[in-house]
Amino acid sequence: MLGETRSDCHVTVPVAGGRAKRRGIVIHRRPHMLPSEITSRDGIPVTSPQRTLLDLRTRLDPEILRRAIREAEFRGLPVDATALVGDRTASPLELEFLRLCRRHHLPEPEANVRIGPYVVDFLWRAERVVVETDGRQAHRGVVAADEDRERDRYLRRLGYTVLRFTYAEVVGRPKRVAAAVRATLKRRMTS
């Protein structure tokens, strides 16, 4: 960012407003952070290595990001490199949903993750929330509908909450989709 220096300290705060600018400190505001995204170092709350790398991946050269991931893995820090390198989306609708999450400051989900015999579109692992994005082509017809219902029942038996959104919802009503995901994540964090 313009005006930043290499020695600046980057601070992520969970709410907007109330913080005065201070030289040497760059503040990043996130209106919603999950407990799994916060850890402690020397008694000071800090973002988890995964959250830190997710935040940096849009700001760093891909090679520098790869080196940072490698260093985190070398140090034994809990990072999921596959979720950090590339977005792993399998369709334009999945990419649109991932962009929706970013625009609405939702926690970054894992994309295309295997759970038992199924690969789910999006997963918030700690909260056990799955989102399926249903494009018309892949989800039309009786057989596809039956398979979707069977998948949902299987995931619910394992304790996952499953949300499904159509193309029309993701593209035409993104605020509603974001609100539904945010409310579900919040509810699952407190249960």
Protein backbone atom coordinates (compact mmCIF):
# COMPACT_ATOMS: atom_id res chain seq x y z
CA MET A 1 0.00 0.00 0.00
CA LEU A 2 1.01 3.54 -0.63
CA GLY A 3 2.92 5.06 2.27
CA GLU A 4 3.74 1.73 3.93
CA THR A 5 7.28 0.76 4.83
CA ARG A 6 8.87 -2.65 5.33
CA SER A 7 9.08 -2.04 9.08
CA ASP A 8 5.40 -1.19 9.53
CA CYS A 9 3.46 -3.32 11.99
CA HIS A 10 0.21 -4.66 10.54
CA VAL A 11 -2.67 -4.95 13.00
CA THR A 12 -6.02 -6.60 12.31
CA VAL A 13 -8.93 -5.38 14.39
CA PRO A 14 -12.34 -7.07 14.42
CA VAL A 15 -14.39 -3.87 14.19
CA ALA A 16 -14.36 -0.67 12.18
CA GLY A 17 -13.73 2.77 13.58
CA GLY A 18 -12.35 4.02 16.86
CA ARG A 19 -8.66 3.66 16.06
CA ALA A 20 -6.51 6.70 15.32
CA LYS A 21 -3.80 6.43 12.67
CA ARG A 22 -0.33 5.99 14.11
CA ARG A 23 2.93 6.12 12.28
CA GLY A 24 4.39 2.66 11.69
CA ILE A 25 1.07 0.85 12.26
CA VAL A 26 -1.17 -0.26 9.40
CA ILE A 27 -4.64 -1.22 10.57
CA HIS A 28 -6.74 -3.81 8.73
CA ARG A 29 -10.40 -3.92 9.73
CA ARG A 30 -12.34 -7.20 9.69
CA PRO A 31 -15.93 -6.93 10.90
CA HIS A 32 -16.10 -10.64 11.67
CA MET A 33 -13.36 -12.98 12.87
CA LEU A 34 -13.85 -16.57 13.94
CA PRO A 35 -12.31 -17.89 17.16
CA SER A 36 -10.30 -20.32 15.02
CA GLU A 37 -8.65 -17.29 13.35
CA ILE A 38 -7.29 -15.91 16.63
CA THR A 39 -4.53 -17.32 18.77
CA SER A 40 -2.20 -15.90 21.42
CA ARG A 41 1.51 -15.15 21.48
CA ASP A 42 3.09 -14.05 24.75
CA GLY A 43 -0.40 -13.27 26.04
CA ILE A 44 -1.22 -10.99 23.09
CA PRO A 45 -4.11 -11.94 20.80
CA VAL A 46 -2.86 -12.41 17.22
CA THR A 47 -4.31 -13.82 14.04
CA SER A 48 -3.60 -17.49 13.42
CA PRO A 49 -0.86 -18.37 10.92
CA GLN A 50 -3.57 -19.50 8.45
CA ARG A 51 -5.55 -16.24 8.78
CA THR A 52 -2.37 -14.17 8.48
CA LEU A 53 -1.31 -15.95 5.29
CA LEU A 54 -4.83 -15.72 3.85
CA ASP A 55 -4.79 -11.96 4.48
CA LEU A 56 -1.33 -11.61 2.94
CA ARG A 57 -1.94 -13.70 -0.15
CA THR A 58 -3.69 -10.85 -1.97
CA ARG A 59 -0.85 -8.46 -1.13
CA LEU A 60 2.23 -10.60 -1.73
CA ASP A 61 3.96 -11.72 -4.87
CA PRO A 62 3.05 -15.42 -5.35
CA GLU A 63 6.68 -16.52 -4.92
CA ILE A 64 7.04 -14.64 -1.63
CA LEU A 65 3.74 -16.18 -0.45
CA ARG A 66 5.06 -19.65 -1.34
CA ARG A 67 8.21 -18.98 0.71
CA ALA A 68 6.11 -17.76 3.66
CA ILE A 69 3.98 -20.94 3.50
CA ARG A 70 7.12 -23.07 3.29
CA GLU A 71 8.59 -21.31 6.33
CA ALA A 72 5.35 -21.78 8.30
CA GLU A 73 5.34 -25.50 7.43
CA PHE A 74 9.03 -25.78 8.36
CA ARG A 75 8.28 -24.24 11.77
CA GLY A 76 5.42 -26.68 12.29
CA LEU A 77 2.74 -23.97 12.31
CA PRO A 78 -0.83 -25.09 11.59
CA VAL A 79 -1.37 -24.01 7.97
CA ASP A 80 -3.30 -25.58 5.12
CA ALA A 81 -1.15 -24.84 2.07
CA THR A 82 -3.74 -26.13 -0.38
CA ALA A 83 -6.25 -23.54 0.84
CA LEU A 84 -3.62 -20.81 0.48
CA VAL A 85 -2.27 -21.52 -2.99
CA GLY A 86 -4.91 -20.84 -5.61
CA ASP A 87 -8.60 -20.66 -4.92
CA ARG A 88 -9.32 -24.30 -5.94
CA THR A 89 -12.69 -23.37 -7.38
CA ALA A 90 -14.11 -25.77 -9.98
CA SER A 91 -16.65 -23.53 -11.70
CA PRO A 92 -17.40 -19.87 -12.46
CA LEU A 93 -20.23 -19.99 -9.89
CA GLU A 94 -17.84 -21.24 -7.20
CA LEU A 95 -15.42 -18.44 -8.07
CA GLU A 96 -18.28 -15.94 -7.83
CA PHE A 97 -19.23 -17.29 -4.39
CA LEU A 98 -15.62 -17.01 -3.21
CA ARG A 99 -15.54 -13.40 -4.42
CA LEU A 100 -18.82 -12.80 -2.56
CA CYS A 101 -17.19 -14.07 0.65
CA ARG A 102 -14.29 -11.69 0.18
CA ARG A 103 -16.45 -8.67 -0.73
CA HIS A 104 -18.65 -9.21 2.33
CA HIS A 105 -15.71 -9.93 4.66
CA LEU A 106 -16.77 -13.47 5.45
CA PRO A 107 -14.09 -15.82 6.75
CA GLU A 108 -12.33 -17.54 3.86
CA PRO A 109 -13.73 -21.06 3.31
CA GLU A 110 -11.84 -24.05 1.99
CA ALA A 111 -12.93 -24.93 -1.54
CA ASN A 112 -13.64 -28.37 -2.98
CA VAL A 113 -12.90 -30.44 0.10
CA ARG A 114 -13.54 -34.18 0.38
CA ILE A 115 -15.81 -35.28 3.22
CA GLY A 116 -16.33 -39.02 3.06
CA PRO A 117 -17.44 -40.00 -0.44
CA TYR A 118 -18.34 -36.41 -1.41
CA VAL A 119 -16.46 -33.27 -2.44
CA VAL A 120 -18.21 -30.21 -1.02
CA ASP A 121 -17.99 -26.83 -2.71
CA PHE A 122 -17.08 -24.80 0.39
CA LEU A 123 -16.23 -25.73 3.97
CA TRP A 124 -15.71 -23.83 7.20
CA ARG A 125 -14.11 -26.73 9.03
CA ALA A 126 -14.11 -25.50 12.65
CA GLU A 127 -17.74 -24.39 12.45
CA ARG A 128 -18.77 -27.50 10.46
CA VAL A 129 -20.60 -25.44 7.83
CA VAL A 130 -20.83 -26.49 4.18
CA VAL A 131 -22.03 -24.34 1.30
CA GLU A 132 -23.06 -25.89 -2.00
CA THR A 133 -23.44 -23.61 -5.02
CA ASP A 134 -25.99 -25.06 -7.39
CA GLY A 135 -25.60 -24.12 -11.03
CA ARG A 136 -28.51 -25.00 -13.29
CA GLN A 137 -26.57 -27.40 -15.51
CA ALA A 138 -25.07 -29.62 -12.81
CA HIS A 139 -28.11 -29.70 -10.53
CA ARG A 140 -31.08 -30.08 -12.86
CA GLY A 141 -33.08 -33.22 -13.17
CA VAL A 142 -34.50 -35.83 -10.82
CA VAL A 143 -31.28 -37.84 -10.39
CA ALA A 144 -29.20 -34.74 -9.55
CA ALA A 145 -31.82 -33.57 -7.03
CA ASP A 146 -31.88 -37.02 -5.38
CA GLU A 147 -28.08 -37.08 -5.17
CA ASP A 148 -28.04 -33.58 -3.63
CA ARG A 149 -30.55 -34.61 -0.97
CA GLU A 150 -28.57 -37.79 -0.18
CA ARG A 151 -25.36 -35.75 0.14
CA ASP A 152 -27.08 -33.28 2.47
CA ARG A 153 -28.45 -36.08 4.67
CA TYR A 154 -24.99 -37.69 4.86
CA LEU A 155 -23.34 -34.41 5.87
CA ARG A 156 -26.03 -33.61 8.44
CA ARG A 157 -25.56 -37.05 10.02
CA LEU A 158 -21.90 -36.08 10.48
CA GLY A 159 -22.92 -32.83 12.21
CA TYR A 160 -22.50 -30.38 9.34
CA THR A 161 -24.90 -27.55 8.55
CA VAL A 162 -25.48 -27.46 4.80
CA LEU A 163 -26.52 -24.31 2.94
CA ARG A 164 -27.37 -24.34 -0.77
CA PHE A 165 -27.40 -21.29 -3.02
CA THR A 166 -28.37 -21.03 -6.67
CA TYR A 167 -26.65 -18.94 -9.30
CA ALA A 168 -29.52 -16.44 -9.13
CA GLU A 169 -29.00 -16.03 -5.38
CA VAL A 170 -25.20 -15.71 -5.49
CA VAL A 171 -25.22 -13.23 -8.37
CA GLY A 172 -28.56 -11.48 -7.86
CA ARG A 173 -28.89 -11.37 -4.06
CA PRO A 174 -25.33 -11.46 -2.68
CA LYS A 175 -26.18 -9.48 0.49
CA ARG A 176 -28.85 -12.04 1.45
CA VAL A 177 -26.45 -14.91 0.78
CA ALA A 178 -23.70 -13.25 2.83
CA ALA A 179 -26.12 -12.56 5.69
CA ALA A 180 -27.29 -16.18 5.71
CA VAL A 181 -23.73 -17.51 5.77
CA ARG A 182 -22.65 -15.04 8.46
CA ALA A 183 -25.64 -15.91 10.68
CA THR A 184 -25.01 -19.64 10.28
CA LEU A 185 -21.31 -19.30 11.12
CA LYS A 186 -22.13 -17.17 14.14
CA ARG A 187 -24.77 -19.66 15.35
CA ARG A 188 -22.38 -22.60 14.91
CA MET A 189 -19.61 -20.77 16.82
CA THR A 190 -21.87 -20.37 19.84
CA SER A 191 -23.34 -23.88 19.85
